[in-house]
Amino acid sequence: MMKRIFSLPERRKYLITFLLSLLVCPVFAQVENEVVDNDDSDEPDSAVVLGLSPDTITRPWPQSVQYRLAQLLEGDMFKTSQVGIMVYDLDADSAIFKYNERQLMRPASTMKVITAITTIDQLGGDYQFKTDLCYTGKIEGRTLRGDVYCVGGFDPRFNSDDLNAFVEAIKKMGVDTIHGRIIADKSMKDDERYGEGWCWDDDNWTLSPLLISKKDQFISRFLQALVTANVVLEVTTAEGRKPNDAYCIVTRFHTIDQILMRMLKESDNLYAESMFYQLAASTGNRPASARSARTVIKRLVNKIGLNASNYKFADGSGLSLYNYVSAELEVSMLRYAYRNENIYHHLIQALPIAGQDGTLKKRMRGAFTNGNVKAKTGTVTGVSSLAGYCTSSNGHRLCFSIINQGLLHGKNGRAFQDKVCTVLCQP
C-alpha cells in the first residue's frame, strides 16, 4: 500500500487541528463552574499562539454558558460591589454555575419567592384569605339588638365590593337599625404595625388583619356604608374577639392565586406580609406573629437539606434590612417548588414574565429571553436581585438566583442580571 505524502500546507492544517483539540478537550473534564484555565505557566496558551480569540472556539453546553458567565464577572462593577449567583439545570439535576452562592446577602423582594413557596407548601393551593361578618344578640322587629363583629383574616384584597356585600347581608336580614356595638376583631395577629427591620422613611403599609382597600380604615368605612344604605346606627365602636356562639352571616374571601398574582407580578409588599401572617396563623398560635411565620420557613429550609440557622428571616416581603439569605438557598427553594407539581403550578403563573408583564415587562425583550424568563425581581437601597426559571437553548429547564449587593445604582445590577439571563437562554 502506498503511503500518502502530505504537503506543507496540509501538515500545518493538521497541526492546528491537533493544537485546537488540546485546548478544547480539557473543557469536557472540568468540574462544574471551573471555567478558568488553572495553568500557572507564563507561556501563552495555544489559542494566543495561533492568533485565535477564545470566543472563536466552540464550546459544548454547559461549558459555553460557564465561560460567558465567568466573563461577565470580570466587569468593573465587581471592584466595588458583590454578587452571589447559582444556576441549576433541573433536567440534568446538577448545578452548572456557582459563584459566592453561599454568601449571605439581603434578598430584597426575592424574599417573596421564599414566602410564596413556603405558604403553598404549608397551606395548599386552595387556601383562602377570609373576612367574616358575625353578630350576637337578637333581631326584634327590624332592630338588631346586639353586637356586630367584623373579623379580620388579613385579606389585602378586601375592597368596596366586599364591604357592600357586608351591608347587603345586614339588609337581607330585614334589619334597618342596629342597637349595640360594632366591634373590630383583629385577634388574628399581634399588634405589630410594621415589620422588623423596616426603615422609618419607607412608605410602609400598616399590618392590620382588618383592612379595606389596603388601609386600616375598616370600621369607619363600614359605618359610612351602613348609613349610606339607610341603616340607623345606635352604636359604639370597640375592638374585641368574636365569641364562639356568634352567628356568621357572610364570609368574603380571595384565593391564594389572587394574592400570589399581585404579590409576585407587582411585588406588592402588603400582600406578601399578609401571606407571611397566614403562615404564622397556621401554627395555631394566636395572635399570629412574625416569629411563628419564621418557624414555618425554617422548618422547610431544614427539610430541603439546608441549615436554617445559617440564615435570617425577618419579614415576608424582603423590605426588612435584617433578612439574610443566599443564592444557594433561593435555588434550593425553586428546585423544591419545581419538583412539587402543586407548588410549581401556582408559583409559575404568578411570576413576572420577561418583556410581557409585571416588574419584568420592560426588561429582557430580546428574542431569547422575551416570554422565556419567569422570575421575581428585588430592589432595596444597595441591593438588586432576580430569582426564577428559564429554558436554555438545548431545551433544559433552569432555575437561578442572582443577588447583587453594594450597588450605588440599581440599574447596574438589573443590567447585569439581564445579561446573565441572556447567556442562559441564547445558543
Protein backbone atom coordinates (compact mmCIF):
# COMPACT_ATOMS: atom_id res chain seq x y z
CA MET A 1 0.00 0.00 0.00
CA MET A 2 1.37 3.40 -0.96
CA LYS A 3 1.91 5.93 1.82
CA ARG A 4 0.38 9.36 1.36
CA ILE A 5 2.87 12.23 1.47
CA PHE A 6 1.34 15.39 3.00
CA SER A 7 2.22 18.77 1.57
CA LEU A 8 3.48 21.54 3.86
CA PRO A 9 0.10 23.39 3.88
CA GLU A 10 -1.68 20.15 4.77
CA ARG A 11 0.73 19.46 7.62
CA ARG A 12 0.11 22.95 9.01
CA LYS A 13 -3.64 22.37 8.81
CA TYR A 14 -3.47 19.12 10.79
CA LEU A 15 -1.10 20.68 13.35
CA ILE A 16 -3.56 23.49 14.01
CA THR A 17 -6.40 20.98 14.34
CA PHE A 18 -4.35 18.96 16.82
CA LEU A 19 -3.48 22.00 18.94
CA LEU A 20 -7.10 23.10 18.99
CA SER A 21 -8.15 19.68 20.23
CA LEU A 22 -5.71 20.01 23.11
CA LEU A 23 -7.30 23.33 24.05
CA VAL A 24 -10.94 22.26 23.81
CA CYS A 25 -10.84 18.71 25.22
CA PRO A 26 -9.96 19.69 28.82
CA VAL A 27 -13.18 21.69 28.98
CA PHE A 28 -15.19 18.46 28.98
CA ALA A 29 -13.35 17.29 32.08
CA GLN A 30 -13.83 20.47 34.09
CA VAL A 31 -15.73 20.35 37.33
CA GLU A 32 -18.92 22.46 37.29
CA ASN A 33 -18.20 26.18 37.44
CA GLU A 34 -14.45 25.77 36.98
CA VAL A 35 -14.29 27.76 33.80
CA VAL A 36 -10.87 29.44 34.02
CA ASP A 37 -7.60 27.92 32.96
CA ASN A 38 -5.66 26.76 36.02
CA ASP A 39 -2.31 26.69 34.19
CA ASP A 40 0.10 28.95 36.11
CA SER A 41 2.66 28.95 33.32
CA ASP A 42 3.85 32.27 31.92
CA GLU A 43 3.74 30.84 28.40
CA PRO A 44 0.75 31.93 26.27
CA ASP A 45 -1.82 29.25 25.58
CA SER A 46 -2.30 27.69 22.15
CA ALA A 47 -5.19 29.98 21.24
CA VAL A 48 -2.92 33.01 21.59
CA VAL A 49 -0.09 31.32 19.72
CA LEU A 50 -2.41 30.63 16.84
CA GLY A 51 -3.78 34.17 16.88
CA LEU A 52 -7.27 32.94 17.87
CA SER A 53 -9.61 34.52 20.43
CA PRO A 54 -11.12 32.12 23.00
CA ASP A 55 -14.55 33.35 21.81
CA THR A 56 -13.96 31.72 18.44
CA ILE A 57 -13.62 28.25 19.95
CA THR A 58 -16.88 26.31 20.02
CA ARG A 59 -17.66 25.08 23.50
CA PRO A 60 -20.31 22.48 24.27
CA TRP A 61 -23.21 23.29 26.57
CA PRO A 62 -22.98 24.00 29.54
CA GLN A 63 -19.27 24.91 29.24
CA SER A 64 -20.21 27.67 26.82
CA VAL A 65 -22.59 29.11 29.42
CA GLN A 66 -19.99 28.82 32.17
CA TYR A 67 -17.36 30.60 30.09
CA ARG A 68 -19.64 33.52 29.19
CA LEU A 69 -20.89 33.93 32.76
CA ALA A 70 -17.31 33.97 34.01
CA GLN A 71 -16.58 36.74 31.53
CA LEU A 72 -19.46 38.81 32.89
CA LEU A 73 -17.98 38.57 36.37
CA GLU A 74 -14.85 40.37 35.16
CA GLY A 75 -16.80 43.65 34.85
CA ASP A 76 -15.62 46.77 36.66
CA MET A 77 -18.77 46.87 38.82
CA PHE A 78 -17.43 43.99 40.90
CA LYS A 79 -14.48 46.06 42.06
CA THR A 80 -16.91 47.90 44.35
CA SER A 81 -19.88 45.54 44.72
CA GLN A 82 -20.63 41.88 45.39
CA VAL A 83 -22.70 39.23 43.69
CA GLY A 84 -23.91 35.75 44.54
CA ILE A 85 -25.05 33.51 41.68
CA MET A 86 -26.26 29.97 41.28
CA VAL A 87 -27.73 28.33 38.17
CA TYR A 88 -29.22 24.85 38.34
CA ASP A 89 -30.15 22.53 35.48
CA LEU A 90 -33.43 21.00 36.59
CA ASP A 91 -33.44 18.34 33.86
CA ALA A 92 -29.86 17.23 34.44
CA ASP A 93 -30.30 17.69 38.21
CA SER A 94 -27.00 19.46 38.62
CA ALA A 95 -25.62 22.92 39.25
CA ILE A 96 -23.99 24.38 36.15
CA PHE A 97 -22.68 27.62 37.65
CA LYS A 98 -21.92 28.82 41.16
CA TYR A 99 -20.20 31.96 42.40
CA ASN A 100 -20.40 33.16 46.01
CA GLU A 101 -23.54 31.05 46.15
CA ARG A 102 -23.32 30.68 49.95
CA GLN A 103 -22.54 34.30 50.68
CA LEU A 104 -25.22 35.79 52.94
CA MET A 105 -26.93 38.74 51.28
CA ARG A 106 -30.11 40.76 51.55
CA PRO A 107 -32.58 39.28 49.09
CA ALA A 108 -34.83 42.33 48.69
CA SER A 109 -38.12 41.24 47.10
CA THR A 110 -36.88 37.83 46.02
CA MET A 111 -37.72 37.02 49.65
CA LYS A 112 -41.29 36.90 48.33
CA VAL A 113 -40.41 33.70 46.45
CA ILE A 114 -39.38 32.04 49.70
CA THR A 115 -42.60 33.24 51.36
CA ALA A 116 -44.76 32.07 48.44
CA ILE A 117 -43.23 28.60 48.17
CA THR A 118 -43.45 28.03 51.93
CA THR A 119 -47.07 29.19 52.05
CA ILE A 120 -48.26 26.99 49.18
CA ASP A 121 -46.38 24.06 50.71
CA GLN A 122 -47.90 24.68 54.14
CA LEU A 123 -51.44 25.74 53.28
CA GLY A 124 -52.09 24.28 49.83
CA GLY A 125 -53.25 25.85 46.60
CA ASP A 126 -56.91 26.00 47.69
CA TYR A 127 -56.29 28.24 50.70
CA GLN A 128 -58.50 31.31 51.08
CA PHE A 129 -57.95 34.70 52.73
CA LYS A 130 -61.18 35.42 54.63
CA THR A 131 -63.03 38.25 56.34
CA ASP A 132 -66.23 37.42 58.28
CA LEU A 133 -69.27 39.37 59.39
CA CYS A 134 -70.95 37.96 62.51
CA TYR A 135 -73.33 39.09 65.23
CA THR A 136 -74.63 38.26 68.70
CA GLY A 137 -77.97 39.19 70.23
CA LYS A 138 -81.47 39.16 68.76
CA ILE A 139 -83.42 40.75 65.95
CA GLU A 140 -86.58 42.35 67.29
CA GLY A 141 -88.80 43.79 64.62
CA ARG A 142 -86.30 45.41 62.27
CA THR A 143 -83.77 46.18 65.00
CA LEU A 144 -80.67 44.14 65.74
CA ARG A 145 -80.07 44.40 69.47
CA GLY A 146 -76.57 43.10 69.99
CA ASP A 147 -73.04 43.34 68.68
CA VAL A 148 -71.77 43.15 65.11
CA TYR A 149 -68.28 41.67 64.64
CA CYS A 150 -66.04 42.35 61.66
CA VAL A 151 -63.49 39.54 61.85
CA GLY A 152 -60.22 40.19 60.04
CA GLY A 153 -58.26 37.40 58.39
CA PHE A 154 -55.65 39.71 56.85
CA ASP A 155 -57.09 39.76 53.34
CA PRO A 156 -55.28 42.55 51.46
CA ARG A 157 -57.76 42.39 48.56
CA PHE A 158 -60.86 43.22 50.63
CA ASN A 159 -62.39 46.24 48.88
CA SER A 160 -65.57 48.30 48.49
CA ASP A 161 -67.43 45.50 46.72
CA ASP A 162 -66.76 43.19 49.66
CA LEU A 163 -67.88 45.87 52.10
CA ASN A 164 -71.09 46.36 50.16
CA ALA A 165 -71.70 42.61 50.48
CA PHE A 166 -71.47 43.03 54.27
CA VAL A 167 -74.07 45.81 54.19
CA GLU A 168 -76.33 43.76 51.91
CA ALA A 169 -76.15 40.85 54.35
CA ILE A 170 -77.41 43.13 57.14
CA LYS A 171 -80.24 44.44 54.96
CA LYS A 172 -81.29 40.94 53.84
CA MET A 173 -81.92 40.03 57.48
CA GLY A 174 -84.60 42.75 57.47
CA VAL A 175 -82.52 44.97 59.76
CA ASP A 176 -82.76 48.74 59.40
CA THR A 177 -81.48 49.63 62.89
CA ILE A 178 -78.53 48.41 64.91
CA HIS A 179 -78.55 48.99 68.63
CA GLY A 180 -75.33 47.83 70.28
CA ARG A 181 -71.67 47.79 69.27
CA ILE A 182 -69.67 47.48 66.04
CA ILE A 183 -66.58 45.52 67.00
CA ALA A 184 -63.34 45.10 65.07
CA ASP A 185 -61.90 41.64 65.67
CA LYS A 186 -58.19 41.92 64.93
CA SER A 187 -57.20 38.97 67.07
CA MET A 188 -55.80 37.02 64.13
CA LYS A 189 -52.37 38.68 64.55
CA ASP A 190 -50.34 40.63 67.03
CA ASP A 191 -50.28 44.41 67.42
CA GLU A 192 -47.07 44.97 65.44
CA ARG A 193 -47.94 47.57 62.82
CA TYR A 194 -44.69 47.32 60.86
CA GLY A 195 -42.17 44.62 60.04
CA GLU A 196 -38.91 44.09 61.87
CA GLY A 197 -36.10 46.00 60.21
CA TRP A 198 -38.32 48.26 58.09
CA CYS A 199 -36.89 51.73 57.52
CA TRP A 200 -38.82 54.54 59.15
CA ASP A 201 -38.76 56.62 55.96
CA ASP A 202 -40.25 53.92 53.71
CA ASP A 203 -43.88 54.24 52.63
CA ASN A 204 -44.93 51.32 54.80
CA TRP A 205 -48.37 49.72 54.92
CA THR A 206 -49.99 49.11 58.30
CA LEU A 207 -50.01 45.39 59.11
CA SER A 208 -53.59 45.16 60.30
CA PRO A 209 -55.61 41.95 59.77
CA LEU A 210 -58.74 44.02 59.15
CA LEU A 211 -58.21 46.11 56.05
CA ILE A 212 -60.23 47.73 53.31
CA SER A 213 -58.54 48.82 50.08
CA LYS A 214 -55.22 48.08 51.82
CA LYS A 215 -55.93 50.67 54.54
CA ASP A 216 -56.63 50.36 58.27
CA GLN A 217 -59.97 52.18 57.98
CA PHE A 218 -62.36 49.24 58.10
CA ILE A 219 -64.78 50.25 60.84
CA SER A 220 -65.15 53.88 59.76
CA ARG A 221 -65.80 52.78 56.17
CA PHE A 222 -68.30 50.15 57.35
CA LEU A 223 -70.23 52.67 59.42
CA GLN A 224 -70.31 55.06 56.49
CA ALA A 225 -71.59 52.34 54.16
CA LEU A 226 -74.35 51.38 56.60
CA VAL A 227 -75.52 54.97 56.91
CA THR A 228 -75.49 55.33 53.12
CA ALA A 229 -77.74 52.25 52.97
CA ASN A 230 -80.19 53.94 55.39
CA VAL A 231 -79.36 51.73 58.36
CA VAL A 232 -79.91 53.63 61.60
CA LEU A 233 -76.94 53.27 63.94
CA GLU A 234 -77.31 53.47 67.71
CA VAL A 235 -73.87 52.07 68.32
CA THR A 236 -70.47 52.48 69.84
CA THR A 237 -67.29 51.03 68.36
CA ALA A 238 -64.69 48.85 70.01
CA GLU A 239 -62.10 46.14 69.44
CA GLY A 240 -62.64 42.65 70.72
CA ARG A 241 -62.77 38.98 69.87
CA LYS A 242 -65.81 37.27 68.37
CA PRO A 243 -67.37 34.83 70.84
CA ASN A 244 -67.86 31.22 69.81
CA ASP A 245 -71.65 31.50 69.85
CA ALA A 246 -71.77 34.37 67.35
CA TYR A 247 -73.76 33.90 64.13
CA CYS A 248 -71.69 34.46 61.00
CA ILE A 249 -73.87 35.74 58.17
CA VAL A 250 -71.36 36.33 55.39
CA THR A 251 -67.76 35.48 54.52
CA ARG A 252 -65.82 37.28 51.82
CA PHE A 253 -62.67 35.60 50.56
CA HIS A 254 -59.94 35.71 47.95
CA THR A 255 -57.93 32.75 46.74
CA ILE A 256 -54.25 32.20 47.25
CA ASP A 257 -53.76 32.59 43.47
CA GLN A 258 -55.33 36.05 43.58
CA ILE A 259 -52.93 37.06 46.33
CA LEU A 260 -49.92 35.45 44.65
CA MET A 261 -50.59 37.18 41.34
CA ARG A 262 -50.26 40.71 42.70
CA MET A 263 -47.69 39.77 45.33
CA LEU A 264 -45.24 38.45 42.71
CA LYS A 265 -46.19 40.17 39.45
CA GLU A 266 -46.32 43.65 41.01
CA SER A 267 -44.09 42.92 44.03
CA ASP A 268 -46.75 44.08 46.49
CA ASN A 269 -45.25 44.19 49.97
CA LEU A 270 -48.56 44.20 51.86
CA TYR A 271 -49.75 41.11 50.01
CA ALA A 272 -46.51 39.35 50.92
CA GLU A 273 -46.86 40.28 54.59
CA SER A 274 -50.44 39.02 54.54
CA MET A 275 -49.18 35.68 53.27
CA PHE A 276 -46.41 35.71 55.87
CA TYR A 277 -49.00 36.01 58.65
CA GLN A 278 -51.15 33.25 57.16
CA LEU A 279 -48.10 31.06 57.71
CA ALA A 280 -47.92 32.27 61.29
CA ALA A 281 -51.62 31.58 61.90
CA SER A 282 -51.25 28.05 60.51
CA THR A 283 -49.15 27.11 63.55
CA GLY A 284 -52.22 27.57 65.76
CA ASN A 285 -50.53 30.25 67.85
CA ARG A 286 -52.77 33.26 68.41
CA PRO A 287 -52.23 36.01 67.87
CA ALA A 288 -50.09 35.19 64.83
CA SER A 289 -46.61 36.65 64.98
CA ALA A 290 -43.62 37.05 62.68
CA ARG A 291 -41.76 34.65 64.93
CA SER A 292 -44.28 31.89 64.20
CA ALA A 293 -44.03 32.53 60.45
CA ARG A 294 -40.24 32.27 60.62
CA THR A 295 -40.60 28.91 62.35
CA VAL A 296 -42.53 27.52 59.37
CA ILE A 297 -39.98 28.87 56.87
CA LYS A 298 -37.08 27.44 58.85
CA ARG A 299 -38.78 24.07 59.01
CA LEU A 300 -38.98 23.95 55.21
CA VAL A 301 -35.36 25.11 54.83
CA ASN A 302 -34.25 22.21 57.01
CA LYS A 303 -36.50 19.85 55.05
CA ILE A 304 -34.82 20.70 51.74
CA GLY A 305 -31.42 19.87 53.18
CA LEU A 306 -30.00 23.20 54.30
CA ASN A 307 -29.38 24.50 57.81
CA ALA A 308 -31.98 27.13 58.69
CA SER A 309 -29.79 28.54 61.45
CA ASN A 310 -27.41 29.83 58.75
CA TYR A 311 -29.98 32.36 57.54
CA LYS A 312 -32.01 35.25 58.90
CA PHE A 313 -35.70 35.70 58.05
CA ALA A 314 -37.26 38.91 59.31
CA ASP A 315 -40.36 39.51 57.19
CA GLY A 316 -42.24 38.05 54.24
CA SER A 317 -41.74 40.81 51.69
CA GLY A 318 -37.98 41.41 51.72
CA LEU A 319 -38.45 45.01 52.80
CA SER A 320 -36.54 44.40 56.01
CA LEU A 321 -32.83 45.11 56.20
CA TYR A 322 -32.48 42.15 58.56
CA ASN A 323 -33.13 39.40 56.01
CA TYR A 324 -30.04 37.40 55.07
CA VAL A 325 -30.21 34.54 52.59
CA SER A 326 -28.01 33.12 49.84
CA ALA A 327 -28.31 32.33 46.15
CA GLU A 328 -27.95 28.66 47.10
CA LEU A 329 -30.97 28.88 49.41
CA GLU A 330 -33.16 30.57 46.80
CA VAL A 331 -32.19 28.00 44.16
CA SER A 332 -32.89 25.17 46.60
CA MET A 333 -36.37 26.59 47.21
CA LEU A 334 -37.00 26.94 43.48
CA ARG A 335 -35.86 23.35 42.95
CA TYR A 336 -38.20 22.16 45.68
CA ALA A 337 -41.09 24.02 44.07
CA TYR A 338 -40.29 22.57 40.64
CA ARG A 339 -40.32 19.03 41.99
CA ASN A 340 -43.73 19.58 43.62
CA GLU A 341 -46.32 19.97 40.87
CA ASN A 342 -48.91 21.66 43.07
CA ILE A 343 -46.46 24.32 44.27
CA TYR A 344 -44.96 24.90 40.84
CA HIS A 345 -48.36 25.23 39.17
CA HIS A 346 -49.36 28.11 41.43
CA LEU A 347 -45.92 29.73 41.53
CA ILE A 348 -45.00 29.79 37.84
CA GLN A 349 -48.19 31.51 36.71
CA ALA A 350 -47.68 34.33 39.22
CA LEU A 351 -44.03 35.14 38.42
CA PRO A 352 -43.33 38.18 36.21
CA ILE A 353 -42.63 37.25 32.58
CA ALA A 354 -39.72 38.95 30.81
CA GLY A 355 -40.83 41.52 28.25
CA GLN A 356 -44.51 40.87 28.92
CA ASP A 357 -45.86 41.70 32.38
CA GLY A 358 -45.25 42.64 35.98
CA THR A 359 -41.92 44.05 37.08
CA LEU A 360 -40.20 42.43 34.07
CA LYS A 361 -42.45 43.99 31.45
CA LYS A 362 -39.77 46.40 30.23
CA ARG A 363 -36.81 44.08 30.72
CA MET A 364 -35.22 41.33 28.60
CA ARG A 365 -37.21 41.93 25.42
CA GLY A 366 -34.63 40.11 23.31
CA ALA A 367 -35.57 37.14 21.15
CA PHE A 368 -34.24 34.51 23.55
CA THR A 369 -35.44 35.96 26.88
CA ASN A 370 -38.80 37.53 25.97
CA GLY A 371 -41.54 35.29 27.33
CA ASN A 372 -38.92 32.78 28.45
CA VAL A 373 -37.56 34.16 31.73
CA LYS A 374 -40.11 33.99 34.56
CA ALA A 375 -38.60 35.44 37.70
CA LYS A 376 -39.08 37.63 40.78
CA THR A 377 -37.24 40.90 40.90
CA GLY A 378 -35.92 42.58 44.04
CA THR A 379 -34.82 46.12 44.80
CA VAL A 380 -33.94 47.93 48.01
CA THR A 381 -31.24 50.52 48.52
CA GLY A 382 -27.91 48.94 47.60
CA VAL A 383 -29.46 45.61 46.55
CA SER A 384 -30.81 44.26 43.28
CA SER A 385 -31.83 40.64 42.81
CA LEU A 386 -33.54 38.22 40.45
CA ALA A 387 -34.65 34.63 41.02
CA GLY A 388 -36.73 32.29 38.91
CA TYR A 389 -36.83 29.99 35.90
CA CYS A 390 -35.97 29.94 32.21
CA THR A 391 -35.43 27.44 29.40
CA SER A 392 -31.98 27.12 27.83
CA SER A 393 -31.24 26.77 24.12
CA ASN A 394 -30.96 22.98 24.48
CA GLY A 395 -34.45 22.78 25.97
CA HIS A 396 -33.35 22.21 29.56
CA ARG A 397 -35.27 23.95 32.31
CA LEU A 398 -33.07 26.06 34.58
CA CYS A 399 -33.63 27.84 37.87
CA PHE A 400 -31.36 30.60 39.07
CA SER A 401 -30.70 33.21 41.71
CA ILE A 402 -28.68 36.39 41.24
CA ILE A 403 -28.18 38.74 44.20
CA ASN A 404 -26.23 41.96 43.63
CA GLN A 405 -25.24 43.87 46.75
CA GLY A 406 -23.34 47.06 47.45
CA LEU A 407 -24.75 48.88 44.43
CA LEU A 408 -24.92 52.64 44.20
CA HIS A 409 -27.13 52.35 41.12
CA GLY A 410 -29.72 49.59 40.95
CA LYS A 411 -29.81 49.79 37.15
CA ASN A 412 -26.32 48.32 37.02
CA GLY A 413 -27.50 45.24 38.90
CA ARG A 414 -30.52 44.88 36.64
CA ALA A 415 -28.38 45.19 33.52
CA PHE A 416 -26.04 42.50 34.82
CA GLN A 417 -28.94 40.17 35.63
CA ASP A 418 -30.40 40.68 32.16
CA LYS A 419 -27.06 39.73 30.61
CA VAL A 420 -26.86 36.60 32.75
CA CYS A 421 -30.33 35.53 31.64
CA THR A 422 -29.47 36.22 28.01
CA VAL A 423 -26.45 33.93 28.33
CA LEU A 424 -28.63 31.22 29.88
CA CYS A 425 -31.24 31.41 27.11
CA GLN A 426 -29.33 32.07 23.90
CA PRO A 427 -27.49 29.40 21.83
